[in-house]
Amino acid sequence: MTLPSGRRERKKAATRQKIADAALRLFLERGYDAVGIRDVAAEADVAVTTLFSHFASKEALVFEQDEDFEQRLMQAVTGRGPHEPLIPALRREIQALVRHCTADGAAPIWRMIDESPALREYEKSMRMRHAESLATAIAADLDLPQATTACRSIARFAIDAYSLAREAADPEAAVDEIFRMIEAAWEVGCPSL
């Protein structure tokens, strides 16, 4: 995550993190459905309006690193070296995200997400948004006027690789296996790119 540079930005980031930490603590203690927005605001010692200025919804509190993850995926495409191939760069970033999301302590959070229809739906829509952003970044990187079907497919495969790998017994091996297929698909679908 990028650290804010100015005092005001640091204060906003600290408040946001305080709210997210309070929400996660309450959700894990009481259950996601048993905790309301007012409970989270009270626990974080902020007004409900302050909470909503940092998070658009209750579900967003669980996925508080959503924007950072999306930026990291796009940066994997746009920030790679001029001759660095696209797919290995994406593989590295997905591998890093999977490591983060399978670290110690993540299992209870994923159980909570899996048990909540609202959180599963939010995660699904978040993945679709990430895939569209990634497809747009891939298209721009390739100097295409818009995301082609190939760009969108590879982006969705990469996002799905993240989801599948975090559920696998050996997440790193799963990422490698999935990305071998993604690389083969990219070479067949976009041999000239």
N, C-alpha and C. Protein backbone atom coordinates (compact mmCIF):
# COMPACT_ATOMS: atom_id res chain seq x y z
N MET A 1 0.84 -1.18 0.00
CA MET A 1 0.00 0.00 0.00
C MET A 1 0.88 1.24 0.00
N THR A 2 0.52 2.22 -0.78
CA THR A 2 1.27 3.46 -0.86
C THR A 2 0.99 4.29 0.39
N LEU A 3 2.06 4.76 1.01
CA LEU A 3 1.90 5.58 2.20
C LEU A 3 1.63 7.02 1.80
N PRO A 4 0.61 7.66 2.42
CA PRO A 4 0.31 9.05 2.11
C PRO A 4 1.45 9.95 2.56
N SER A 5 1.68 11.03 1.83
CA SER A 5 2.83 11.88 2.11
C SER A 5 2.52 13.04 3.04
N GLY A 6 1.39 13.68 2.90
CA GLY A 6 1.07 14.84 3.72
C GLY A 6 0.40 14.46 5.04
N ARG A 7 0.42 15.42 5.97
CA ARG A 7 -0.17 15.18 7.29
C ARG A 7 -1.65 14.83 7.19
N ARG A 8 -2.38 15.61 6.41
CA ARG A 8 -3.82 15.38 6.26
C ARG A 8 -4.09 13.99 5.67
N GLU A 9 -3.33 13.61 4.63
CA GLU A 9 -3.50 12.29 4.00
C GLU A 9 -3.17 11.17 4.98
N ARG A 10 -2.12 11.37 5.78
CA ARG A 10 -1.75 10.35 6.78
C ARG A 10 -2.86 10.19 7.82
N LYS A 11 -3.44 11.32 8.24
CA LYS A 11 -4.52 11.28 9.23
C LYS A 11 -5.75 10.56 8.66
N LYS A 12 -6.09 10.86 7.40
CA LYS A 12 -7.22 10.18 6.75
C LYS A 12 -6.95 8.68 6.63
N ALA A 13 -5.73 8.32 6.25
CA ALA A 13 -5.37 6.90 6.12
C ALA A 13 -5.44 6.20 7.48
N ALA A 14 -4.99 6.88 8.52
CA ALA A 14 -5.04 6.29 9.87
C ALA A 14 -6.48 6.08 10.32
N THR A 15 -7.35 7.06 10.04
CA THR A 15 -8.77 6.92 10.39
C THR A 15 -9.39 5.77 9.62
N ARG A 16 -9.10 5.70 8.33
CA ARG A 16 -9.62 4.61 7.50
C ARG A 16 -9.18 3.26 8.06
N GLN A 17 -7.91 3.13 8.40
CA GLN A 17 -7.40 1.87 8.93
C GLN A 17 -8.03 1.53 10.28
N LYS A 18 -8.23 2.55 11.11
CA LYS A 18 -8.86 2.35 12.42
C LYS A 18 -10.29 1.81 12.24
N ILE A 19 -11.02 2.37 11.30
CA ILE A 19 -12.38 1.90 11.02
C ILE A 19 -12.35 0.47 10.51
N ALA A 20 -11.47 0.18 9.55
CA ALA A 20 -11.39 -1.16 8.98
C ALA A 20 -11.00 -2.19 10.04
N ASP A 21 -10.06 -1.85 10.90
CA ASP A 21 -9.63 -2.77 11.95
C ASP A 21 -10.77 -3.04 12.94
N ALA A 22 -11.49 -1.98 13.31
CA ALA A 22 -12.62 -2.14 14.24
C ALA A 22 -13.70 -3.01 13.62
N ALA A 23 -13.99 -2.78 12.34
CA ALA A 23 -15.01 -3.56 11.66
C ALA A 23 -14.63 -5.04 11.61
N LEU A 24 -13.42 -5.31 11.19
CA LEU A 24 -13.00 -6.71 11.09
C LEU A 24 -13.02 -7.40 12.44
N ARG A 25 -12.56 -6.71 13.46
CA ARG A 25 -12.58 -7.28 14.81
C ARG A 25 -14.01 -7.62 15.23
N LEU A 26 -14.95 -6.69 15.02
CA LEU A 26 -16.34 -6.95 15.39
C LEU A 26 -16.95 -8.06 14.54
N PHE A 27 -16.69 -8.04 13.25
CA PHE A 27 -17.25 -9.06 12.36
C PHE A 27 -16.78 -10.45 12.77
N LEU A 28 -15.51 -10.57 13.11
CA LEU A 28 -14.98 -11.88 13.49
C LEU A 28 -15.46 -12.31 14.87
N GLU A 29 -15.66 -11.37 15.77
CA GLU A 29 -16.14 -11.69 17.12
C GLU A 29 -17.62 -12.06 17.12
N ARG A 30 -18.45 -11.26 16.44
CA ARG A 30 -19.91 -11.41 16.53
C ARG A 30 -20.55 -12.03 15.30
N GLY A 31 -19.85 -12.04 14.20
CA GLY A 31 -20.43 -12.48 12.94
C GLY A 31 -20.81 -11.28 12.10
N TYR A 32 -20.60 -11.39 10.81
CA TYR A 32 -20.81 -10.26 9.90
C TYR A 32 -22.24 -9.73 9.99
N ASP A 33 -23.23 -10.61 9.95
CA ASP A 33 -24.63 -10.17 9.92
C ASP A 33 -25.10 -9.58 11.25
N ALA A 34 -24.42 -9.89 12.34
CA ALA A 34 -24.82 -9.40 13.66
C ALA A 34 -24.28 -8.00 13.96
N VAL A 35 -23.44 -7.48 13.10
CA VAL A 35 -22.81 -6.18 13.35
C VAL A 35 -23.38 -5.15 12.36
N GLY A 36 -23.79 -4.03 12.89
CA GLY A 36 -24.30 -2.95 12.05
C GLY A 36 -23.26 -1.85 11.86
N ILE A 37 -23.54 -0.96 10.95
CA ILE A 37 -22.65 0.16 10.67
C ILE A 37 -22.46 1.02 11.91
N ARG A 38 -23.53 1.26 12.65
CA ARG A 38 -23.43 2.06 13.89
C ARG A 38 -22.50 1.40 14.90
N ASP A 39 -22.53 0.06 14.96
CA ASP A 39 -21.64 -0.67 15.87
C ASP A 39 -20.18 -0.41 15.49
N VAL A 40 -19.91 -0.47 14.21
CA VAL A 40 -18.53 -0.26 13.73
C VAL A 40 -18.10 1.18 14.02
N ALA A 41 -18.96 2.14 13.72
CA ALA A 41 -18.62 3.54 13.96
C ALA A 41 -18.34 3.78 15.45
N ALA A 42 -19.17 3.22 16.31
CA ALA A 42 -18.97 3.37 17.75
C ALA A 42 -17.65 2.74 18.19
N GLU A 43 -17.37 1.54 17.70
CA GLU A 43 -16.13 0.84 18.06
C GLU A 43 -14.90 1.62 17.59
N ALA A 44 -14.99 2.25 16.43
CA ALA A 44 -13.87 3.02 15.89
C ALA A 44 -13.84 4.45 16.43
N ASP A 45 -14.89 4.82 17.18
CA ASP A 45 -15.01 6.15 17.76
C ASP A 45 -15.03 7.23 16.68
N VAL A 46 -15.88 6.97 15.67
CA VAL A 46 -16.09 7.96 14.60
C VAL A 46 -17.58 8.08 14.35
N ALA A 47 -17.97 9.14 13.69
CA ALA A 47 -19.37 9.31 13.30
C ALA A 47 -19.68 8.38 12.12
N VAL A 48 -20.94 8.02 11.98
CA VAL A 48 -21.36 7.19 10.86
C VAL A 48 -21.03 7.88 9.54
N THR A 49 -21.19 9.19 9.49
CA THR A 49 -20.85 9.92 8.26
C THR A 49 -19.36 9.83 7.95
N THR A 50 -18.54 9.80 8.98
CA THR A 50 -17.09 9.64 8.77
C THR A 50 -16.82 8.25 8.21
N LEU A 51 -17.48 7.25 8.75
CA LEU A 51 -17.31 5.89 8.24
C LEU A 51 -17.66 5.84 6.75
N PHE A 52 -18.79 6.45 6.40
CA PHE A 52 -19.22 6.42 5.00
C PHE A 52 -18.36 7.31 4.09
N SER A 53 -17.63 8.24 4.66
CA SER A 53 -16.72 9.02 3.82
C SER A 53 -15.48 8.20 3.44
N HIS A 54 -15.25 7.11 4.18
CA HIS A 54 -14.11 6.23 3.89
C HIS A 54 -14.53 4.93 3.20
N PHE A 55 -15.75 4.47 3.46
CA PHE A 55 -16.23 3.19 2.92
C PHE A 55 -17.64 3.37 2.39
N ALA A 56 -17.87 2.92 1.17
CA ALA A 56 -19.16 3.11 0.52
C ALA A 56 -20.25 2.19 1.07
N SER A 57 -19.85 1.07 1.68
CA SER A 57 -20.84 0.10 2.15
C SER A 57 -20.26 -0.74 3.27
N LYS A 58 -21.11 -1.49 3.91
CA LYS A 58 -20.67 -2.41 4.96
C LYS A 58 -19.73 -3.46 4.37
N GLU A 59 -20.04 -3.95 3.19
CA GLU A 59 -19.20 -4.97 2.55
C GLU A 59 -17.80 -4.43 2.27
N ALA A 60 -17.72 -3.18 1.91
CA ALA A 60 -16.41 -2.57 1.60
C ALA A 60 -15.49 -2.58 2.81
N LEU A 61 -16.06 -2.61 4.01
CA LEU A 61 -15.24 -2.68 5.22
C LEU A 61 -14.41 -3.97 5.27
N VAL A 62 -14.96 -5.04 4.74
CA VAL A 62 -14.26 -6.33 4.75
C VAL A 62 -13.15 -6.33 3.70
N PHE A 63 -13.42 -5.69 2.58
CA PHE A 63 -12.47 -5.67 1.46
C PHE A 63 -11.76 -4.31 1.41
N GLU A 64 -11.26 -3.87 2.54
CA GLU A 64 -10.70 -2.52 2.64
C GLU A 64 -9.46 -2.31 1.79
N GLN A 65 -8.80 -3.36 1.33
CA GLN A 65 -7.62 -3.20 0.48
C GLN A 65 -7.96 -3.36 -1.01
N ASP A 66 -9.23 -3.34 -1.32
CA ASP A 66 -9.72 -3.52 -2.69
C ASP A 66 -9.01 -2.59 -3.68
N GLU A 67 -9.01 -1.30 -3.41
CA GLU A 67 -8.42 -0.34 -4.35
C GLU A 67 -6.92 -0.55 -4.49
N ASP A 68 -6.26 -0.89 -3.39
CA ASP A 68 -4.82 -1.15 -3.44
C ASP A 68 -4.53 -2.37 -4.32
N PHE A 69 -5.33 -3.42 -4.17
CA PHE A 69 -5.14 -4.62 -4.98
C PHE A 69 -5.34 -4.31 -6.46
N GLU A 70 -6.39 -3.53 -6.76
CA GLU A 70 -6.66 -3.17 -8.15
C GLU A 70 -5.49 -2.38 -8.74
N GLN A 71 -4.97 -1.44 -7.97
CA GLN A 71 -3.83 -0.64 -8.43
C GLN A 71 -2.59 -1.52 -8.64
N ARG A 72 -2.38 -2.47 -7.76
CA ARG A 72 -1.23 -3.37 -7.90
C ARG A 72 -1.33 -4.19 -9.18
N LEU A 73 -2.52 -4.65 -9.50
CA LEU A 73 -2.70 -5.43 -10.73
C LEU A 73 -2.40 -4.57 -11.96
N MET A 74 -2.91 -3.37 -11.96
CA MET A 74 -2.68 -2.49 -13.11
C MET A 74 -1.21 -2.11 -13.20
N GLN A 75 -0.57 -1.90 -12.05
CA GLN A 75 0.85 -1.55 -12.03
C GLN A 75 1.71 -2.71 -12.53
N ALA A 76 1.26 -3.93 -12.32
CA ALA A 76 2.00 -5.09 -12.83
C ALA A 76 2.11 -5.02 -14.35
N VAL A 77 1.09 -4.46 -14.98
CA VAL A 77 1.08 -4.31 -16.44
C VAL A 77 1.83 -3.05 -16.85
N THR A 78 1.45 -1.93 -16.30
CA THR A 78 2.00 -0.65 -16.75
C THR A 78 3.38 -0.35 -16.21
N GLY A 79 3.76 -0.97 -15.12
CA GLY A 79 5.05 -0.67 -14.50
C GLY A 79 6.16 -1.65 -14.84
N ARG A 80 5.89 -2.60 -15.69
CA ARG A 80 6.93 -3.57 -16.02
C ARG A 80 7.92 -2.96 -17.01
N GLY A 81 9.08 -3.59 -17.11
CA GLY A 81 10.13 -3.10 -18.01
C GLY A 81 9.67 -3.14 -19.46
N PRO A 82 10.32 -2.37 -20.34
CA PRO A 82 9.89 -2.28 -21.74
C PRO A 82 9.91 -3.61 -22.50
N HIS A 83 10.77 -4.51 -22.11
CA HIS A 83 10.85 -5.80 -22.81
C HIS A 83 10.41 -6.96 -21.94
N GLU A 84 9.83 -6.66 -20.79
CA GLU A 84 9.36 -7.72 -19.89
C GLU A 84 8.01 -8.22 -20.39
N PRO A 85 7.88 -9.52 -20.58
CA PRO A 85 6.61 -10.07 -21.07
C PRO A 85 5.46 -9.83 -20.08
N LEU A 86 4.28 -9.68 -20.63
CA LEU A 86 3.08 -9.38 -19.85
C LEU A 86 2.72 -10.49 -18.86
N ILE A 87 2.62 -11.70 -19.33
CA ILE A 87 2.09 -12.78 -18.48
C ILE A 87 2.97 -13.07 -17.27
N PRO A 88 4.30 -13.16 -17.41
CA PRO A 88 5.11 -13.35 -16.19
C PRO A 88 4.97 -12.21 -15.18
N ALA A 89 4.80 -10.98 -15.66
CA ALA A 89 4.60 -9.85 -14.75
C ALA A 89 3.29 -10.01 -13.98
N LEU A 90 2.24 -10.42 -14.68
CA LEU A 90 0.96 -10.67 -14.00
C LEU A 90 1.07 -11.83 -13.01
N ARG A 91 1.78 -12.88 -13.42
CA ARG A 91 1.96 -14.04 -12.54
C ARG A 91 2.60 -13.61 -11.22
N ARG A 92 3.65 -12.81 -11.30
CA ARG A 92 4.35 -12.36 -10.09
C ARG A 92 3.40 -11.61 -9.15
N GLU A 93 2.60 -10.73 -9.73
CA GLU A 93 1.72 -9.94 -8.87
C GLU A 93 0.60 -10.80 -8.29
N ILE A 94 0.02 -11.68 -9.09
CA ILE A 94 -1.02 -12.57 -8.56
C ILE A 94 -0.43 -13.44 -7.46
N GLN A 95 0.79 -13.94 -7.67
CA GLN A 95 1.46 -14.76 -6.65
C GLN A 95 1.61 -13.97 -5.34
N ALA A 96 2.00 -12.71 -5.44
CA ALA A 96 2.15 -11.87 -4.25
C ALA A 96 0.80 -11.63 -3.56
N LEU A 97 -0.23 -11.40 -4.34
CA LEU A 97 -1.56 -11.20 -3.76
C LEU A 97 -2.07 -12.46 -3.09
N VAL A 98 -1.81 -13.61 -3.71
CA VAL A 98 -2.23 -14.88 -3.11
C VAL A 98 -1.49 -15.10 -1.79
N ARG A 99 -0.20 -14.82 -1.77
CA ARG A 99 0.56 -14.97 -0.51
C ARG A 99 -0.04 -14.10 0.57
N HIS A 100 -0.38 -12.87 0.22
CA HIS A 100 -0.97 -11.96 1.20
C HIS A 100 -2.30 -12.51 1.73
N CYS A 101 -3.13 -13.03 0.84
CA CYS A 101 -4.47 -13.46 1.23
C CYS A 101 -4.52 -14.88 1.79
N THR A 102 -3.40 -15.57 1.81
CA THR A 102 -3.36 -16.89 2.43
C THR A 102 -2.43 -16.90 3.64
N ALA A 103 -1.99 -15.72 4.06
CA ALA A 103 -1.10 -15.60 5.21
C ALA A 103 -1.83 -16.04 6.48
N ASP A 104 -1.05 -16.25 7.52
CA ASP A 104 -1.63 -16.62 8.80
C ASP A 104 -2.70 -15.62 9.21
N GLY A 105 -3.79 -16.11 9.69
CA GLY A 105 -4.87 -15.25 10.14
C GLY A 105 -5.92 -14.94 9.08
N ALA A 106 -5.67 -15.30 7.83
CA ALA A 106 -6.63 -14.98 6.77
C ALA A 106 -7.79 -15.97 6.71
N ALA A 107 -7.59 -17.18 7.18
CA ALA A 107 -8.62 -18.22 7.07
C ALA A 107 -9.96 -17.81 7.69
N PRO A 108 -9.99 -17.24 8.90
CA PRO A 108 -11.29 -16.84 9.46
C PRO A 108 -12.01 -15.78 8.62
N ILE A 109 -11.25 -14.90 8.01
CA ILE A 109 -11.85 -13.87 7.17
C ILE A 109 -12.50 -14.50 5.95
N TRP A 110 -11.79 -15.43 5.30
CA TRP A 110 -12.35 -16.10 4.12
C TRP A 110 -13.54 -16.97 4.48
N ARG A 111 -13.52 -17.58 5.67
CA ARG A 111 -14.70 -18.35 6.11
C ARG A 111 -15.90 -17.42 6.26
N MET A 112 -15.66 -16.26 6.87
CA MET A 112 -16.74 -15.28 7.03
C MET A 112 -17.30 -14.87 5.66
N ILE A 113 -16.41 -14.61 4.71
CA ILE A 113 -16.84 -14.22 3.36
C ILE A 113 -17.64 -15.35 2.72
N ASP A 114 -17.15 -16.56 2.82
CA ASP A 114 -17.83 -17.71 2.22
C ASP A 114 -19.21 -17.96 2.84
N GLU A 115 -19.38 -17.60 4.10
CA GLU A 115 -20.65 -17.83 4.80
C GLU A 115 -21.67 -16.73 4.56
N SER A 116 -21.27 -15.63 3.97
CA SER A 116 -22.18 -14.50 3.80
C SER A 116 -22.52 -14.29 2.32
N PRO A 117 -23.78 -14.47 1.95
CA PRO A 117 -24.17 -14.20 0.55
C PRO A 117 -23.83 -12.77 0.12
N ALA A 118 -24.02 -11.79 0.99
CA ALA A 118 -23.73 -10.40 0.64
C ALA A 118 -22.24 -10.21 0.35
N LEU A 119 -21.38 -10.82 1.16
CA LEU A 119 -19.94 -10.68 0.94
C LEU A 119 -19.48 -11.46 -0.29
N ARG A 120 -20.07 -12.62 -0.53
CA ARG A 120 -19.72 -13.38 -1.75
C ARG A 120 -20.11 -12.58 -2.99
N GLU A 121 -21.28 -11.96 -2.97
CA GLU A 121 -21.73 -11.17 -4.11
C GLU A 121 -20.83 -9.94 -4.29
N TYR A 122 -20.46 -9.30 -3.20
CA TYR A 122 -19.59 -8.13 -3.28
C TYR A 122 -18.23 -8.54 -3.85
N GLU A 123 -17.71 -9.67 -3.39
CA GLU A 123 -16.41 -10.14 -3.91
C GLU A 123 -16.51 -10.43 -5.40
N LYS A 124 -17.60 -11.03 -5.81
CA LYS A 124 -17.79 -11.34 -7.24
C LYS A 124 -17.80 -10.05 -8.07
N SER A 125 -18.54 -9.04 -7.63
CA SER A 125 -18.59 -7.79 -8.38
C SER A 125 -17.23 -7.08 -8.34
N MET A 126 -16.52 -7.21 -7.24
CA MET A 126 -15.19 -6.62 -7.13
C MET A 126 -14.23 -7.29 -8.12
N ARG A 127 -14.29 -8.61 -8.22
CA ARG A 127 -13.44 -9.34 -9.17
C ARG A 127 -13.73 -8.91 -10.60
N MET A 128 -15.01 -8.73 -10.94
CA MET A 128 -15.36 -8.30 -12.29
C MET A 128 -14.82 -6.90 -12.57
N ARG A 129 -14.91 -6.02 -11.58
CA ARG A 129 -14.38 -4.66 -11.74
C ARG A 129 -12.86 -4.71 -11.91
N HIS A 130 -12.19 -5.52 -11.11
CA HIS A 130 -10.74 -5.67 -11.23
C HIS A 130 -10.37 -6.21 -12.61
N ALA A 131 -11.13 -7.16 -13.10
CA ALA A 131 -10.85 -7.74 -14.42
C ALA A 131 -11.01 -6.68 -15.52
N GLU A 132 -12.04 -5.85 -15.43
CA GLU A 132 -12.24 -4.81 -16.43
C GLU A 132 -11.11 -3.78 -16.38
N SER A 133 -10.71 -3.39 -15.18
CA SER A 133 -9.59 -2.44 -15.05
C SER A 133 -8.30 -3.03 -15.60
N LEU A 134 -8.07 -4.30 -15.30
CA LEU A 134 -6.88 -4.97 -15.78
C LEU A 134 -6.91 -5.10 -17.30
N ALA A 135 -8.05 -5.43 -17.87
CA ALA A 135 -8.17 -5.52 -19.33
C ALA A 135 -7.90 -4.18 -19.99
N THR A 136 -8.39 -3.11 -19.39
CA THR A 136 -8.14 -1.77 -19.92
C THR A 136 -6.65 -1.44 -19.86
N ALA A 137 -5.99 -1.80 -18.75
CA ALA A 137 -4.55 -1.56 -18.63
C ALA A 137 -3.76 -2.37 -19.66
N ILE A 138 -4.17 -3.60 -19.88
CA ILE A 138 -3.49 -4.45 -20.88
C ILE A 138 -3.65 -3.83 -22.27
N ALA A 139 -4.87 -3.43 -22.60
CA ALA A 139 -5.12 -2.83 -23.92
C ALA A 139 -4.30 -1.55 -24.10
N ALA A 140 -4.28 -0.70 -23.08
CA ALA A 140 -3.51 0.55 -23.17
C ALA A 140 -2.03 0.26 -23.32
N ASP A 141 -1.55 -0.74 -22.60
CA ASP A 141 -0.13 -1.10 -22.68
C ASP A 141 0.24 -1.60 -24.08
N LEU A 142 -0.71 -2.23 -24.74
CA LEU A 142 -0.47 -2.76 -26.09
C LEU A 142 -0.84 -1.75 -27.18
N ASP A 143 -1.18 -0.53 -26.77
CA ASP A 143 -1.58 0.53 -27.70
C ASP A 143 -2.82 0.16 -28.51
N LEU A 144 -3.75 -0.52 -27.87
CA LEU A 144 -5.02 -0.86 -28.51
C LEU A 144 -6.04 0.21 -28.13
N PRO A 145 -6.97 0.53 -29.01
CA PRO A 145 -7.94 1.58 -28.71
C PRO A 145 -8.92 1.20 -27.59
N GLN A 146 -9.12 -0.09 -27.42
CA GLN A 146 -10.02 -0.56 -26.35
C GLN A 146 -9.64 -1.99 -26.00
N ALA A 147 -10.18 -2.45 -24.88
CA ALA A 147 -9.89 -3.81 -24.45
C ALA A 147 -10.55 -4.80 -25.41
N THR A 148 -9.74 -5.63 -26.01
CA THR A 148 -10.25 -6.65 -26.92
C THR A 148 -10.76 -7.84 -26.13
N THR A 149 -11.38 -8.76 -26.82
CA THR A 149 -11.83 -9.98 -26.16
C THR A 149 -10.64 -10.72 -25.55
N ALA A 150 -9.52 -10.73 -26.26
CA ALA A 150 -8.32 -11.40 -25.73
C ALA A 150 -7.85 -10.72 -24.45
N CYS A 151 -7.81 -9.40 -24.43
CA CYS A 151 -7.38 -8.67 -23.23
C CYS A 151 -8.33 -8.95 -22.06
N ARG A 152 -9.61 -8.92 -22.33
CA ARG A 152 -10.60 -9.16 -21.29
C ARG A 152 -10.54 -10.60 -20.78
N SER A 153 -10.30 -11.54 -21.68
CA SER A 153 -10.21 -12.95 -21.28
C SER A 153 -9.01 -13.18 -20.39
N ILE A 154 -7.86 -12.66 -20.80
CA ILE A 154 -6.65 -12.84 -20.00
C ILE A 154 -6.81 -12.19 -18.64
N ALA A 155 -7.42 -11.01 -18.60
CA ALA A 155 -7.64 -10.33 -17.33
C ALA A 155 -8.55 -11.17 -16.42
N ARG A 156 -9.61 -11.70 -16.98
CA ARG A 156 -10.51 -12.54 -16.16
C ARG A 156 -9.81 -13.81 -15.69
N PHE A 157 -9.03 -14.41 -16.58
CA PHE A 157 -8.28 -15.61 -16.18
C PHE A 157 -7.34 -15.29 -15.01
N ALA A 158 -6.66 -14.15 -15.09
CA ALA A 158 -5.72 -13.76 -14.04
C ALA A 158 -6.45 -13.53 -12.71
N ILE A 159 -7.59 -12.86 -12.77
CA ILE A 159 -8.37 -12.62 -11.54
C ILE A 159 -8.90 -13.94 -11.00
N ASP A 160 -9.38 -14.81 -11.87
CA ASP A 160 -9.85 -16.12 -11.42
C ASP A 160 -8.70 -16.96 -10.86
N ALA A 161 -7.50 -16.80 -11.41
CA ALA A 161 -6.33 -17.52 -10.89
C ALA A 161 -6.13 -17.16 -9.43
N TYR A 162 -6.28 -15.90 -9.12
CA TYR A 162 -6.15 -15.45 -7.73
C TYR A 162 -7.17 -16.16 -6.83
N SER A 163 -8.42 -16.18 -7.25
CA SER A 163 -9.48 -16.80 -6.44
C SER A 163 -9.27 -18.30 -6.29
N LEU A 164 -8.95 -18.96 -7.39
CA LEU A 164 -8.75 -20.41 -7.34
C LEU A 164 -7.54 -20.78 -6.50
N ALA A 165 -6.47 -20.04 -6.65
CA ALA A 165 -5.23 -20.36 -5.94
C ALA A 165 -5.37 -20.18 -4.44
N ARG A 166 -6.07 -19.15 -4.02
CA ARG A 166 -6.19 -18.94 -2.57
C ARG A 166 -7.00 -20.04 -1.90
N GLU A 167 -7.80 -20.77 -2.68
CA GLU A 167 -8.59 -21.88 -2.13
C GLU A 167 -7.87 -23.22 -2.24
N ALA A 168 -6.75 -23.27 -2.95
CA ALA A 168 -6.04 -24.53 -3.20
C ALA A 168 -5.20 -24.95 -1.99
N ALA A 169 -4.93 -26.25 -1.91
CA ALA A 169 -4.08 -26.77 -0.84
C ALA A 169 -2.67 -26.19 -0.95
N ASP A 170 -2.17 -26.03 -2.16
CA ASP A 170 -0.86 -25.43 -2.40
C ASP A 170 -1.05 -24.23 -3.33
N PRO A 171 -1.31 -23.06 -2.75
CA PRO A 171 -1.64 -21.88 -3.56
C PRO A 171 -0.56 -21.52 -4.60
N GLU A 172 0.70 -21.60 -4.22
CA GLU A 172 1.76 -21.22 -5.17
C GLU A 172 1.81 -22.16 -6.36
N ALA A 173 1.65 -23.45 -6.10
CA ALA A 173 1.63 -24.42 -7.20
C ALA A 173 0.41 -24.19 -8.09
N ALA A 174 -0.70 -23.83 -7.47
CA ALA A 174 -1.91 -23.56 -8.25
C ALA A 174 -1.71 -22.36 -9.17
N VAL A 175 -1.08 -21.29 -8.67
CA VAL A 175 -0.82 -20.12 -9.52
C VAL A 175 0.06 -20.53 -10.70
N ASP A 176 1.10 -21.31 -10.43
CA ASP A 176 1.99 -21.75 -11.51
C ASP A 176 1.23 -22.56 -12.56
N GLU A 177 0.40 -23.49 -12.09
CA GLU A 177 -0.37 -24.33 -13.01
C GLU A 177 -1.33 -23.49 -13.86
N ILE A 178 -2.04 -22.60 -13.21
CA ILE A 178 -3.01 -21.77 -13.92
C ILE A 178 -2.31 -20.85 -14.91
N PHE A 179 -1.19 -20.27 -14.51
CA PHE A 179 -0.50 -19.33 -15.41
C PHE A 179 0.17 -20.02 -16.58
N ARG A 180 0.49 -21.29 -16.46
CA ARG A 180 0.96 -22.02 -17.65
C ARG A 180 -0.14 -22.06 -18.70
N MET A 181 -1.37 -22.26 -18.25
CA MET A 181 -2.51 -22.26 -19.18
C MET A 181 -2.78 -20.87 -19.72
N ILE A 182 -2.68 -19.86 -18.87
CA ILE A 182 -2.91 -18.48 -19.31
C ILE A 182 -1.86 -18.09 -20.35
N GLU A 183 -0.61 -18.45 -20.10
CA GLU A 183 0.45 -18.11 -21.06
C GLU A 183 0.22 -18.79 -22.40
N ALA A 184 -0.19 -20.06 -22.36
CA ALA A 184 -0.48 -20.78 -23.61
C ALA A 184 -1.65 -20.12 -24.34
N ALA A 185 -2.69 -19.73 -23.61
CA ALA A 185 -3.85 -19.07 -24.23
C ALA A 185 -3.43 -17.74 -24.84
N TRP A 186 -2.59 -16.99 -24.15
CA TRP A 186 -2.14 -15.70 -24.66
C TRP A 186 -1.34 -15.87 -25.95
N GLU A 187 -0.47 -16.87 -25.97
CA GLU A 187 0.35 -17.11 -27.17
C GLU A 187 -0.50 -17.54 -28.37
N VAL A 188 -1.54 -18.31 -28.12
CA VAL A 188 -2.43 -18.74 -29.21
C VAL A 188 -3.33 -17.59 -29.65
N GLY A 189 -3.90 -16.86 -28.68
CA GLY A 189 -4.88 -15.81 -29.00
C GLY A 189 -4.25 -14.52 -29.47
N CYS A 190 -3.02 -14.26 -29.09
CA CYS A 190 -2.38 -12.98 -29.44
C CYS A 190 -0.95 -13.20 -29.89
N PRO A 191 -0.73 -13.99 -30.91
CA PRO A 191 0.66 -14.28 -31.31
C PRO A 191 1.41 -13.06 -31.79
N SER A 192 0.72 -12.04 -32.27
CA SER A 192 1.42 -10.86 -32.79
C SER A 192 1.63 -9.79 -31.74
N LEU A 193 1.07 -9.96 -30.54
CA LEU A 193 1.18 -8.91 -29.52
C LEU A 193 2.30 -9.17 -28.57
